[in-house]
Amino acid sequence: GLPIESKSITVEKAMVKWMKEIQHEMKVQTGKEIPEHEVMKA
């Protein structure tokens, strides 16, 4: 029930960065610009 600060971390991986990386990879694989909102719907 108590948070242990020495074992708690922040990782530089998250949704906006992932969405941008997926958009870039989709551009490479399909040649199409996929809007972020369509990526999120999927």
PDB file of all heavy atoms in Angstrom:
ATOM      1  N   GLY A   1       0.772  -1.234   0.000  1.00  0.00           N
ATOM      2  CA  GLY A   1       0.000   0.000   0.000  1.00  0.00           C
ATOM      3  C   GLY A   1       0.802   1.282   0.000  1.00  0.00           C
ATOM      4  O   GLY A   1       0.224   2.365   0.007  1.00  0.00           O
ATOM      5  N   LEU A   2       2.144   1.186   0.003  1.00  0.00           N
ATOM      6  CA  LEU A   2       2.982   2.381   0.025  1.00  0.00           C
ATOM      7  C   LEU A   2       3.846   2.432  -1.237  1.00  0.00           C
ATOM      8  O   LEU A   2       4.491   1.439  -1.591  1.00  0.00           O
ATOM      9  CB  LEU A   2       3.893   2.378   1.262  1.00  0.00           C
ATOM     10  CG  LEU A   2       3.194   2.474   2.622  1.00  0.00           C
ATOM     11  CD1 LEU A   2       4.211   2.316   3.740  1.00  0.00           C
ATOM     12  CD2 LEU A   2       2.465   3.814   2.753  1.00  0.00           C
ATOM     13  N   PRO A   3       3.874   3.579  -1.918  1.00  0.00           N
ATOM     14  CA  PRO A   3       4.735   3.698  -3.097  1.00  0.00           C
ATOM     15  C   PRO A   3       6.211   3.712  -2.688  1.00  0.00           C
ATOM     16  O   PRO A   3       6.587   4.359  -1.711  1.00  0.00           O
ATOM     17  CB  PRO A   3       4.313   5.028  -3.711  1.00  0.00           C
ATOM     18  CG  PRO A   3       3.737   5.811  -2.586  1.00  0.00           C
ATOM     19  CD  PRO A   3       3.113   4.812  -1.653  1.00  0.00           C
ATOM     20  N   ILE A   4       7.038   2.991  -3.416  1.00  0.00           N
ATOM     21  CA  ILE A   4       8.482   2.949  -3.168  1.00  0.00           C
ATOM     22  C   ILE A   4       9.152   3.798  -4.239  1.00  0.00           C
ATOM     23  O   ILE A   4       9.293   3.373  -5.388  1.00  0.00           O
ATOM     24  CB  ILE A   4       9.012   1.501  -3.210  1.00  0.00           C
ATOM     25  CG1 ILE A   4       8.177   0.603  -2.287  1.00  0.00           C
ATOM     26  CG2 ILE A   4      10.482   1.480  -2.825  1.00  0.00           C
ATOM     27  CD1 ILE A   4       8.190   1.014  -0.827  1.00  0.00           C
ATOM     28  N   GLU A   5       9.545   5.005  -3.861  1.00  0.00           N
ATOM     29  CA  GLU A   5      10.024   5.963  -4.852  1.00  0.00           C
ATOM     30  C   GLU A   5      11.302   5.496  -5.536  1.00  0.00           C
ATOM     31  O   GLU A   5      11.505   5.730  -6.733  1.00  0.00           O
ATOM     32  CB  GLU A   5      10.248   7.325  -4.192  1.00  0.00           C
ATOM     33  CG  GLU A   5      10.504   8.437  -5.188  1.00  0.00           C
ATOM     34  CD  GLU A   5      10.367   9.819  -4.573  1.00  0.00           C
ATOM     35  OE1 GLU A   5       9.992   9.910  -3.384  1.00  0.00           O
ATOM     36  OE2 GLU A   5      10.623  10.795  -5.277  1.00  0.00           O
ATOM     37  N   SER A   6      12.179   4.813  -4.816  1.00  0.00           N
ATOM     38  CA  SER A   6      13.447   4.373  -5.400  1.00  0.00           C
ATOM     39  C   SER A   6      13.245   3.322  -6.482  1.00  0.00           C
ATOM     40  O   SER A   6      14.132   3.092  -7.310  1.00  0.00           O
ATOM     41  CB  SER A   6      14.369   3.818  -4.312  1.00  0.00           C
ATOM     42  OG  SER A   6      13.782   2.687  -3.682  1.00  0.00           O
ATOM     43  N   LYS A   7      12.082   2.668  -6.492  1.00  0.00           N
ATOM     44  CA  LYS A   7      11.797   1.648  -7.495  1.00  0.00           C
ATOM     45  C   LYS A   7      10.777   2.129  -8.526  1.00  0.00           C
ATOM     46  O   LYS A   7      10.277   1.336  -9.328  1.00  0.00           O
ATOM     47  CB  LYS A   7      11.272   0.372  -6.822  1.00  0.00           C
ATOM     48  CG  LYS A   7      12.307  -0.344  -5.963  1.00  0.00           C
ATOM     49  CD  LYS A   7      11.747  -1.662  -5.438  1.00  0.00           C
ATOM     50  CE  LYS A   7      12.779  -2.437  -4.633  1.00  0.00           C
ATOM     51  NZ  LYS A   7      12.246  -3.743  -4.157  1.00  0.00           N
ATOM     52  N   SER A   8      10.455   3.418  -8.506  1.00  0.00           N
ATOM     53  CA  SER A   8       9.480   3.996  -9.435  1.00  0.00           C
ATOM     54  C   SER A   8      10.217   4.822 -10.481  1.00  0.00           C
ATOM     55  O   SER A   8      11.171   5.539 -10.162  1.00  0.00           O
ATOM     56  CB  SER A   8       8.472   4.862  -8.679  1.00  0.00           C
ATOM     57  OG  SER A   8       7.793   4.092  -7.693  1.00  0.00           O
ATOM     58  N   ILE A   9       9.784   4.707 -11.730  1.00  0.00           N
ATOM     59  CA  ILE A   9      10.516   5.338 -12.831  1.00  0.00           C
ATOM     60  C   ILE A   9       9.549   5.973 -13.830  1.00  0.00           C
ATOM     61  O   ILE A   9       8.339   5.727 -13.797  1.00  0.00           O
ATOM     62  CB  ILE A   9      11.397   4.316 -13.578  1.00  0.00           C
ATOM     63  CG1 ILE A   9      10.514   3.201 -14.187  1.00  0.00           C
ATOM     64  CG2 ILE A   9      12.457   3.734 -12.675  1.00  0.00           C
ATOM     65  CD1 ILE A   9      11.254   2.247 -15.095  1.00  0.00           C
ATOM     66  N   THR A  10      10.098   6.783 -14.711  1.00  0.00           N
ATOM     67  CA  THR A  10       9.369   7.295 -15.872  1.00  0.00           C
ATOM     68  C   THR A  10      10.107   6.838 -17.123  1.00  0.00           C
ATOM     69  O   THR A  10      11.327   6.980 -17.220  1.00  0.00           O
ATOM     70  CB  THR A  10       9.277   8.827 -15.847  1.00  0.00           C
ATOM     71  OG1 THR A  10       8.482   9.228 -14.715  1.00  0.00           O
ATOM     72  CG2 THR A  10       8.615   9.347 -17.112  1.00  0.00           C
ATOM     73  N   VAL A  11       9.363   6.242 -18.052  1.00  0.00           N
ATOM     74  CA  VAL A  11       9.935   5.711 -19.282  1.00  0.00           C
ATOM     75  C   VAL A  11       9.545   6.616 -20.443  1.00  0.00           C
ATOM     76  O   VAL A  11       8.387   7.027 -20.561  1.00  0.00           O
ATOM     77  CB  VAL A  11       9.436   4.266 -19.538  1.00  0.00           C
ATOM     78  CG1 VAL A  11       9.992   3.720 -20.841  1.00  0.00           C
ATOM     79  CG2 VAL A  11       9.808   3.362 -18.368  1.00  0.00           C
ATOM     80  N   GLU A  12      10.497   6.921 -21.318  1.00  0.00           N
ATOM     81  CA  GLU A  12      10.234   7.818 -22.451  1.00  0.00           C
ATOM     82  C   GLU A  12       9.583   7.064 -23.616  1.00  0.00           C
ATOM     83  O   GLU A  12      10.058   7.097 -24.748  1.00  0.00           O
ATOM     84  CB  GLU A  12      11.538   8.477 -22.908  1.00  0.00           C
ATOM     85  CG  GLU A  12      12.189   9.369 -21.862  1.00  0.00           C
ATOM     86  CD  GLU A  12      11.315  10.554 -21.477  1.00  0.00           C
ATOM     87  OE1 GLU A  12      10.647  11.109 -22.378  1.00  0.00           O
ATOM     88  OE2 GLU A  12      11.296  10.915 -20.290  1.00  0.00           O
ATOM     89  N   LYS A  13       8.524   6.357 -23.307  1.00  0.00           N
ATOM     90  CA  LYS A  13       7.727   5.679 -24.334  1.00  0.00           C
ATOM     91  C   LYS A  13       6.270   5.968 -24.022  1.00  0.00           C
ATOM     92  O   LYS A  13       5.821   5.774 -22.884  1.00  0.00           O
ATOM     93  CB  LYS A  13       7.981   4.172 -24.323  1.00  0.00           C
ATOM     94  CG  LYS A  13       9.381   3.768 -24.732  1.00  0.00           C
ATOM     95  CD  LYS A  13       9.569   2.259 -24.790  1.00  0.00           C
ATOM     96  CE  LYS A  13      10.967   1.912 -25.277  1.00  0.00           C
ATOM     97  NZ  LYS A  13      11.181   0.449 -25.357  1.00  0.00           N
ATOM     98  N   ALA A  14       5.527   6.437 -25.029  1.00  0.00           N
ATOM     99  CA  ALA A  14       4.142   6.813 -24.756  1.00  0.00           C
ATOM    100  C   ALA A  14       3.369   6.956 -26.055  1.00  0.00           C
ATOM    101  O   ALA A  14       3.908   6.818 -27.154  1.00  0.00           O
ATOM    102  CB  ALA A  14       4.111   8.113 -23.955  1.00  0.00           C
ATOM    103  N   MET A  15       2.080   7.268 -25.931  1.00  0.00           N
ATOM    104  CA  MET A  15       1.162   7.154 -27.058  1.00  0.00           C
ATOM    105  C   MET A  15       1.457   8.118 -28.206  1.00  0.00           C
ATOM    106  O   MET A  15       1.404   7.726 -29.369  1.00  0.00           O
ATOM    107  CB  MET A  15      -0.277   7.360 -26.571  1.00  0.00           C
ATOM    108  CG  MET A  15      -0.836   6.206 -25.755  1.00  0.00           C
ATOM    109  SD  MET A  15      -0.797   4.630 -26.644  1.00  0.00           S
ATOM    110  CE  MET A  15      -1.806   5.022 -28.070  1.00  0.00           C
ATOM    111  N   VAL A  16       1.718   9.393 -27.921  1.00  0.00           N
ATOM    112  CA  VAL A  16       1.933  10.340 -29.015  1.00  0.00           C
ATOM    113  C   VAL A  16       3.157   9.943 -29.832  1.00  0.00           C
ATOM    114  O   VAL A  16       3.132   9.956 -31.076  1.00  0.00           O
ATOM    115  CB  VAL A  16       2.077  11.783 -28.479  1.00  0.00           C
ATOM    116  CG1 VAL A  16       2.505  12.726 -29.596  1.00  0.00           C
ATOM    117  CG2 VAL A  16       0.745  12.259 -27.878  1.00  0.00           C
ATOM    118  N   LYS A  17       4.241   9.574 -29.149  1.00  0.00           N
ATOM    119  CA  LYS A  17       5.445   9.136 -29.850  1.00  0.00           C
ATOM    120  C   LYS A  17       5.160   7.889 -30.678  1.00  0.00           C
ATOM    121  O   LYS A  17       5.596   7.783 -31.832  1.00  0.00           O
ATOM    122  CB  LYS A  17       6.561   8.867 -28.844  1.00  0.00           C
ATOM    123  CG  LYS A  17       7.878   8.474 -29.503  1.00  0.00           C
ATOM    124  CD  LYS A  17       8.972   8.254 -28.469  1.00  0.00           C
ATOM    125  CE  LYS A  17      10.287   7.869 -29.133  1.00  0.00           C
ATOM    126  NZ  LYS A  17      11.368   7.646 -28.141  1.00  0.00           N
ATOM    127  N   TRP A  18       4.403   6.954 -30.109  1.00  0.00           N
ATOM    128  CA  TRP A  18       4.062   5.730 -30.842  1.00  0.00           C
ATOM    129  C   TRP A  18       3.223   6.050 -32.072  1.00  0.00           C
ATOM    130  O   TRP A  18       3.434   5.477 -33.138  1.00  0.00           O
ATOM    131  CB  TRP A  18       3.305   4.767 -29.935  1.00  0.00           C
ATOM    132  CG  TRP A  18       4.163   4.131 -28.882  1.00  0.00           C
ATOM    133  CD1 TRP A  18       5.518   4.129 -28.814  1.00  0.00           C
ATOM    134  CD2 TRP A  18       3.711   3.402 -27.743  1.00  0.00           C
ATOM    135  NE1 TRP A  18       5.943   3.452 -27.708  1.00  0.00           N
ATOM    136  CE2 TRP A  18       4.862   2.992 -27.029  1.00  0.00           C
ATOM    137  CE3 TRP A  18       2.454   3.063 -27.247  1.00  0.00           C
ATOM    138  CZ2 TRP A  18       4.785   2.241 -25.846  1.00  0.00           C
ATOM    139  CZ3 TRP A  18       2.377   2.317 -26.072  1.00  0.00           C
ATOM    140  CH2 TRP A  18       3.522   1.909 -25.384  1.00  0.00           C
ATOM    141  N   MET A  19       2.266   6.958 -31.926  1.00  0.00           N
ATOM    142  CA  MET A  19       1.424   7.322 -33.070  1.00  0.00           C
ATOM    143  C   MET A  19       2.264   7.904 -34.203  1.00  0.00           C
ATOM    144  O   MET A  19       2.058   7.587 -35.378  1.00  0.00           O
ATOM    145  CB  MET A  19       0.350   8.325 -32.646  1.00  0.00           C
ATOM    146  CG  MET A  19      -0.721   7.783 -31.699  1.00  0.00           C
ATOM    147  SD  MET A  19      -1.730   6.451 -32.411  1.00  0.00           S
ATOM    148  CE  MET A  19      -1.030   5.032 -31.551  1.00  0.00           C
ATOM    149  N   LYS A  20       3.225   8.766 -33.852  1.00  0.00           N
ATOM    150  CA  LYS A  20       4.091   9.371 -34.868  1.00  0.00           C
ATOM    151  C   LYS A  20       4.949   8.305 -35.549  1.00  0.00           C
ATOM    152  O   LYS A  20       5.147   8.330 -36.778  1.00  0.00           O
ATOM    153  CB  LYS A  20       4.983  10.440 -34.232  1.00  0.00           C
ATOM    154  CG  LYS A  20       4.230  11.666 -33.717  1.00  0.00           C
ATOM    155  CD  LYS A  20       3.506  12.396 -34.847  1.00  0.00           C
ATOM    156  CE  LYS A  20       2.795  13.631 -34.356  1.00  0.00           C
ATOM    157  NZ  LYS A  20       1.969  14.261 -35.435  1.00  0.00           N
ATOM    158  N   GLU A  21       5.466   7.379 -34.769  1.00  0.00           N
ATOM    159  CA  GLU A  21       6.297   6.313 -35.335  1.00  0.00           C
ATOM    160  C   GLU A  21       5.479   5.406 -36.250  1.00  0.00           C
ATOM    161  O   GLU A  21       5.949   4.981 -37.318  1.00  0.00           O
ATOM    162  CB  GLU A  21       6.939   5.498 -34.211  1.00  0.00           C
ATOM    163  CG  GLU A  21       7.997   6.273 -33.439  1.00  0.00           C
ATOM    164  CD  GLU A  21       8.513   5.534 -32.224  1.00  0.00           C
ATOM    165  OE1 GLU A  21       7.898   4.512 -31.832  1.00  0.00           O
ATOM    166  OE2 GLU A  21       9.526   5.967 -31.655  1.00  0.00           O
ATOM    167  N   ILE A  22       4.252   5.126 -35.854  1.00  0.00           N
ATOM    168  CA  ILE A  22       3.375   4.288 -36.688  1.00  0.00           C
ATOM    169  C   ILE A  22       3.013   5.017 -37.980  1.00  0.00           C
ATOM    170  O   ILE A  22       3.002   4.423 -39.059  1.00  0.00           O
ATOM    171  CB  ILE A  22       2.119   3.883 -35.895  1.00  0.00           C
ATOM    172  CG1 ILE A  22       2.506   2.857 -34.812  1.00  0.00           C
ATOM    173  CG2 ILE A  22       1.048   3.299 -36.820  1.00  0.00           C
ATOM    174  CD1 ILE A  22       1.384   2.532 -33.849  1.00  0.00           C
ATOM    175  N   GLN A  23       2.715   6.314 -37.885  1.00  0.00           N
ATOM    176  CA  GLN A  23       2.420   7.092 -39.090  1.00  0.00           C
ATOM    177  C   GLN A  23       3.604   7.057 -40.063  1.00  0.00           C
ATOM    178  O   GLN A  23       3.418   6.898 -41.278  1.00  0.00           O
ATOM    179  CB  GLN A  23       2.096   8.541 -38.715  1.00  0.00           C
ATOM    180  CG  GLN A  23       0.712   8.750 -38.128  1.00  0.00           C
ATOM    181  CD  GLN A  23       0.475  10.198 -37.759  1.00  0.00           C
ATOM    182  OE1 GLN A  23       1.052  10.722 -36.807  1.00  0.00           O
ATOM    183  NE2 GLN A  23      -0.363  10.861 -38.531  1.00  0.00           N
ATOM    184  N   HIS A  24       4.802   7.191 -39.518  1.00  0.00           N
ATOM    185  CA  HIS A  24       6.002   7.155 -40.372  1.00  0.00           C
ATOM    186  C   HIS A  24       6.159   5.784 -41.019  1.00  0.00           C
ATOM    187  O   HIS A  24       6.435   5.689 -42.233  1.00  0.00           O
ATOM    188  CB  HIS A  24       7.240   7.484 -39.532  1.00  0.00           C
ATOM    189  CG  HIS A  24       8.531   7.323 -40.277  1.00  0.00           C
ATOM    190  ND1 HIS A  24       8.943   8.213 -41.246  1.00  0.00           N
ATOM    191  CD2 HIS A  24       9.495   6.359 -40.215  1.00  0.00           C
ATOM    192  CE1 HIS A  24      10.098   7.818 -41.741  1.00  0.00           C
ATOM    193  NE2 HIS A  24      10.457   6.696 -41.137  1.00  0.00           N
ATOM    194  N   GLU A  25       5.982   4.724 -40.231  1.00  0.00           N
ATOM    195  CA  GLU A  25       6.144   3.369 -40.766  1.00  0.00           C
ATOM    196  C   GLU A  25       5.069   3.053 -41.799  1.00  0.00           C
ATOM    197  O   GLU A  25       5.336   2.382 -42.811  1.00  0.00           O
ATOM    198  CB  GLU A  25       6.109   2.356 -39.618  1.00  0.00           C
ATOM    199  CG  GLU A  25       6.438   0.922 -40.029  1.00  0.00           C
ATOM    200  CD  GLU A  25       7.828   0.771 -40.625  1.00  0.00           C
ATOM    201  OE1 GLU A  25       8.720   1.567 -40.270  1.00  0.00           O
ATOM    202  OE2 GLU A  25       8.009  -0.133 -41.464  1.00  0.00           O
ATOM    203  N   MET A  26       3.846   3.545 -41.572  1.00  0.00           N
ATOM    204  CA  MET A  26       2.783   3.331 -42.549  1.00  0.00           C
ATOM    205  C   MET A  26       3.097   4.059 -43.858  1.00  0.00           C
ATOM    206  O   MET A  26       2.794   3.564 -44.942  1.00  0.00           O
ATOM    207  CB  MET A  26       1.449   3.823 -41.988  1.00  0.00           C
ATOM    208  CG  MET A  26       0.879   2.954 -40.870  1.00  0.00           C
ATOM    209  SD  MET A  26       0.478   1.270 -41.399  1.00  0.00           S
ATOM    210  CE  MET A  26      -0.948   1.579 -42.460  1.00  0.00           C
ATOM    211  N   LYS A  27       3.708   5.232 -43.740  1.00  0.00           N
ATOM    212  CA  LYS A  27       4.115   5.978 -44.944  1.00  0.00           C
ATOM    213  C   LYS A  27       5.150   5.171 -45.733  1.00  0.00           C
ATOM    214  O   LYS A  27       5.098   5.078 -46.965  1.00  0.00           O
ATOM    215  CB  LYS A  27       4.688   7.333 -44.523  1.00  0.00           C
ATOM    216  CG  LYS A  27       5.315   8.146 -45.649  1.00  0.00           C
ATOM    217  CD  LYS A  27       4.290   8.677 -46.630  1.00  0.00           C
ATOM    218  CE  LYS A  27       4.940   9.643 -47.598  1.00  0.00           C
ATOM    219  NZ  LYS A  27       3.989  10.162 -48.608  1.00  0.00           N
ATOM    220  N   VAL A  28       6.088   4.546 -45.001  1.00  0.00           N
ATOM    221  CA  VAL A  28       7.127   3.739 -45.646  1.00  0.00           C
ATOM    222  C   VAL A  28       6.515   2.518 -46.329  1.00  0.00           C
ATOM    223  O   VAL A  28       6.861   2.179 -47.467  1.00  0.00           O
ATOM    224  CB  VAL A  28       8.187   3.299 -44.608  1.00  0.00           C
ATOM    225  CG1 VAL A  28       9.152   2.277 -45.220  1.00  0.00           C
ATOM    226  CG2 VAL A  28       8.950   4.506 -44.084  1.00  0.00           C
ATOM    227  N   GLN A  29       5.574   1.846 -45.631  1.00  0.00           N
ATOM    228  CA  GLN A  29       5.033   0.590 -46.145  1.00  0.00           C
ATOM    229  C   GLN A  29       3.942   0.773 -47.193  1.00  0.00           C
ATOM    230  O   GLN A  29       3.776  -0.066 -48.076  1.00  0.00           O
ATOM    231  CB  GLN A  29       4.498  -0.260 -44.986  1.00  0.00           C
ATOM    232  CG  GLN A  29       5.573  -0.746 -44.025  1.00  0.00           C
ATOM    233  CD  GLN A  29       5.089  -1.877 -43.149  1.00  0.00           C
ATOM    234  OE1 GLN A  29       4.250  -2.684 -43.537  1.00  0.00           O
ATOM    235  NE2 GLN A  29       5.620  -1.958 -41.932  1.00  0.00           N
ATOM    236  N   THR A  30       3.179   1.839 -47.100  1.00  0.00           N
ATOM    237  CA  THR A  30       2.027   2.007 -48.006  1.00  0.00           C
ATOM    238  C   THR A  30       2.153   3.204 -48.938  1.00  0.00           C
ATOM    239  O   THR A  30       1.406   3.300 -49.915  1.00  0.00           O
ATOM    240  CB  THR A  30       0.727   2.163 -47.193  1.00  0.00           C
ATOM    241  OG1 THR A  30       0.731   3.420 -46.511  1.00  0.00           O
ATOM    242  CG2 THR A  30       0.574   1.031 -46.176  1.00  0.00           C
ATOM    243  N   GLY A  31       3.055   4.126 -48.607  1.00  0.00           N
ATOM    244  CA  GLY A  31       3.153   5.351 -49.396  1.00  0.00           C
ATOM    245  C   GLY A  31       2.061   6.348 -49.095  1.00  0.00           C
ATOM    246  O   GLY A  31       1.949   7.369 -49.778  1.00  0.00           O
ATOM    247  N   LYS A  32       1.263   6.092 -48.077  1.00  0.00           N
ATOM    248  CA  LYS A  32       0.121   6.955 -47.745  1.00  0.00           C
ATOM    249  C   LYS A  32       0.352   7.693 -46.423  1.00  0.00           C
ATOM    250  O   LYS A  32       0.952   7.159 -45.491  1.00  0.00           O
ATOM    251  CB  LYS A  32      -1.167   6.123 -47.624  1.00  0.00           C
ATOM    252  CG  LYS A  32      -1.496   5.285 -48.849  1.00  0.00           C
ATOM    253  CD  LYS A  32      -1.853   6.142 -50.051  1.00  0.00           C
ATOM    254  CE  LYS A  32      -2.291   5.273 -51.227  1.00  0.00           C
ATOM    255  NZ  LYS A  32      -2.601   6.088 -52.428  1.00  0.00           N
ATOM    256  N   GLU A  33      -0.151   8.926 -46.379  1.00  0.00           N
ATOM    257  CA  GLU A  33      -0.164   9.690 -45.129  1.00  0.00           C
ATOM    258  C   GLU A  33      -1.433   9.336 -44.355  1.00  0.00           C
ATOM    259  O   GLU A  33      -2.538   9.652 -44.794  1.00  0.00           O
ATOM    260  CB  GLU A  33      -0.138  11.196 -45.422  1.00  0.00           C
ATOM    261  CG  GLU A  33       1.109  11.675 -46.162  1.00  0.00           C
ATOM    262  CD  GLU A  33       2.297  11.854 -45.240  1.00  0.00           C
ATOM    263  OE1 GLU A  33       2.137  11.658 -44.019  1.00  0.00           O
ATOM    264  OE2 GLU A  33       3.376  12.197 -45.750  1.00  0.00           O
ATOM    265  N   ILE A  34      -1.278   8.670 -43.228  1.00  0.00           N
ATOM    266  CA  ILE A  34      -2.433   8.246 -42.433  1.00  0.00           C
ATOM    267  C   ILE A  34      -2.635   9.249 -41.291  1.00  0.00           C
ATOM    268  O   ILE A  34      -1.732   9.436 -40.469  1.00  0.00           O
ATOM    269  CB  ILE A  34      -2.231   6.840 -41.845  1.00  0.00           C
ATOM    270  CG1 ILE A  34      -1.788   5.861 -42.936  1.00  0.00           C
ATOM    271  CG2 ILE A  34      -3.516   6.375 -41.169  1.00  0.00           C
ATOM    272  CD1 ILE A  34      -2.781   5.671 -44.047  1.00  0.00           C
ATOM    273  N   PRO A  35      -3.796   9.915 -41.211  1.00  0.00           N
ATOM    274  CA  PRO A  35      -4.035  10.875 -40.125  1.00  0.00           C
ATOM    275  C   PRO A  35      -3.962  10.208 -38.754  1.00  0.00           C
ATOM    276  O   PRO A  35      -4.327   9.037 -38.598  1.00  0.00           O
ATOM    277  CB  PRO A  35      -5.459  11.387 -40.407  1.00  0.00           C
ATOM    278  CG  PRO A  35      -5.713  11.070 -41.848  1.00  0.00           C
ATOM    279  CD  PRO A  35      -4.946   9.823 -42.133  1.00  0.00           C
ATOM    280  N   GLU A  36      -3.506  10.975 -37.781  1.00  0.00           N
ATOM    281  CA  GLU A  36      -3.363  10.438 -36.428  1.00  0.00           C
ATOM    282  C   GLU A  36      -4.683   9.910 -35.887  1.00  0.00           C
ATOM    283  O   GLU A  36      -4.719   8.877 -35.218  1.00  0.00           O
ATOM    284  CB  GLU A  36      -2.798  11.513 -35.501  1.00  0.00           C
ATOM    285  CG  GLU A  36      -2.516  11.026 -34.081  1.00  0.00           C
ATOM    286  CD  GLU A  36      -1.906  12.092 -33.201  1.00  0.00           C
ATOM    287  OE1 GLU A  36      -0.767  12.490 -33.465  1.00  0.00           O
ATOM    288  OE2 GLU A  36      -2.580  12.542 -32.248  1.00  0.00           O
ATOM    289  N   HIS A  37      -5.786  10.626 -36.172  1.00  0.00           N
ATOM    290  CA  HIS A  37      -7.068  10.184 -35.617  1.00  0.00           C
ATOM    291  C   HIS A  37      -7.507   8.843 -36.210  1.00  0.00           C
ATOM    292  O   HIS A  37      -8.181   8.058 -35.552  1.00  0.00           O
ATOM    293  CB  HIS A  37      -8.158  11.246 -35.802  1.00  0.00           C
ATOM    294  CG  HIS A  37      -8.551  11.492 -37.218  1.00  0.00           C
ATOM    295  ND1 HIS A  37      -7.920  12.414 -38.019  1.00  0.00           N
ATOM    296  CD2 HIS A  37      -9.528  10.933 -38.001  1.00  0.00           C
ATOM    297  CE1 HIS A  37      -8.475  12.421 -39.217  1.00  0.00           C
ATOM    298  NE2 HIS A  37      -9.442  11.526 -39.239  1.00  0.00           N
ATOM    299  N   GLU A  38      -7.099   8.544 -37.449  1.00  0.00           N
ATOM    300  CA  GLU A  38      -7.434   7.249 -38.038  1.00  0.00           C
ATOM    301  C   GLU A  38      -6.570   6.145 -37.440  1.00  0.00           C
ATOM    302  O   GLU A  38      -7.030   5.018 -37.244  1.00  0.00           O
ATOM    303  CB  GLU A  38      -7.270   7.287 -39.556  1.00  0.00           C
ATOM    304  CG  GLU A  38      -8.330   8.109 -40.281  1.00  0.00           C
ATOM    305  CD  GLU A  38      -9.722   7.488 -40.204  1.00  0.00           C
ATOM    306  OE1 GLU A  38      -9.844   6.281 -39.914  1.00  0.00           O
ATOM    307  OE2 GLU A  38     -10.704   8.227 -40.430  1.00  0.00           O
ATOM    308  N   VAL A  39      -5.318   6.469 -37.153  1.00  0.00           N
ATOM    309  CA  VAL A  39      -4.455   5.503 -36.465  1.00  0.00           C
ATOM    310  C   VAL A  39      -5.037   5.165 -35.098  1.00  0.00           C
ATOM    311  O   VAL A  39      -5.093   4.002 -34.686  1.00  0.00           O
ATOM    312  CB  VAL A  39      -3.022   6.053 -36.316  1.00  0.00           C
ATOM    313  CG1 VAL A  39      -2.159   5.090 -35.499  1.00  0.00           C
ATOM    314  CG2 VAL A  39      -2.391   6.291 -37.680  1.00  0.00           C
ATOM    315  N   MET A  40      -5.516   6.206 -34.395  1.00  0.00           N
ATOM    316  CA  MET A  40      -6.078   5.981 -33.062  1.00  0.00           C
ATOM    317  C   MET A  40      -7.358   5.159 -33.130  1.00  0.00           C
ATOM    318  O   MET A  40      -7.586   4.293 -32.273  1.00  0.00           O
ATOM    319  CB  MET A  40      -6.338   7.327 -32.381  1.00  0.00           C
ATOM    320  CG  MET A  40      -6.759   7.202 -30.923  1.00  0.00           C
ATOM    321  SD  MET A  40      -5.523   6.389 -29.882  1.00  0.00           S
ATOM    322  CE  MET A  40      -4.292   7.672 -29.787  1.00  0.00           C
ATOM    323  N   LYS A  41      -8.193   5.405 -34.123  1.00  0.00           N
ATOM    324  CA  LYS A  41      -9.411   4.592 -34.283  1.00  0.00           C
ATOM    325  C   LYS A  41      -9.068   3.127 -34.472  1.00  0.00           C
ATOM    326  O   LYS A  41      -9.702   2.244 -33.886  1.00  0.00           O
ATOM    327  CB  LYS A  41     -10.233   5.104 -35.467  1.00  0.00           C
ATOM    328  CG  LYS A  41     -10.989   6.396 -35.230  1.00  0.00           C
ATOM    329  CD  LYS A  41     -11.776   6.785 -36.482  1.00  0.00           C
ATOM    330  CE  LYS A  41     -12.501   8.112 -36.304  1.00  0.00           C
ATOM    331  NZ  LYS A  41     -13.220   8.509 -37.536  1.00  0.00           N
ATOM    332  N   ALA A  42      -8.062   2.867 -35.307  1.00  0.00           N
ATOM    333  CA  ALA A  42      -7.639   1.485 -35.524  1.00  0.00           C
ATOM    334  C   ALA A  42      -7.113   0.874 -34.230  1.00  0.00           C
ATOM    335  O   ALA A  42      -7.411  -0.280 -33.901  1.00  0.00           O
ATOM    336  CB  ALA A  42      -6.576   1.429 -36.612  1.00  0.00           C
TER     337      ALA A  42
END
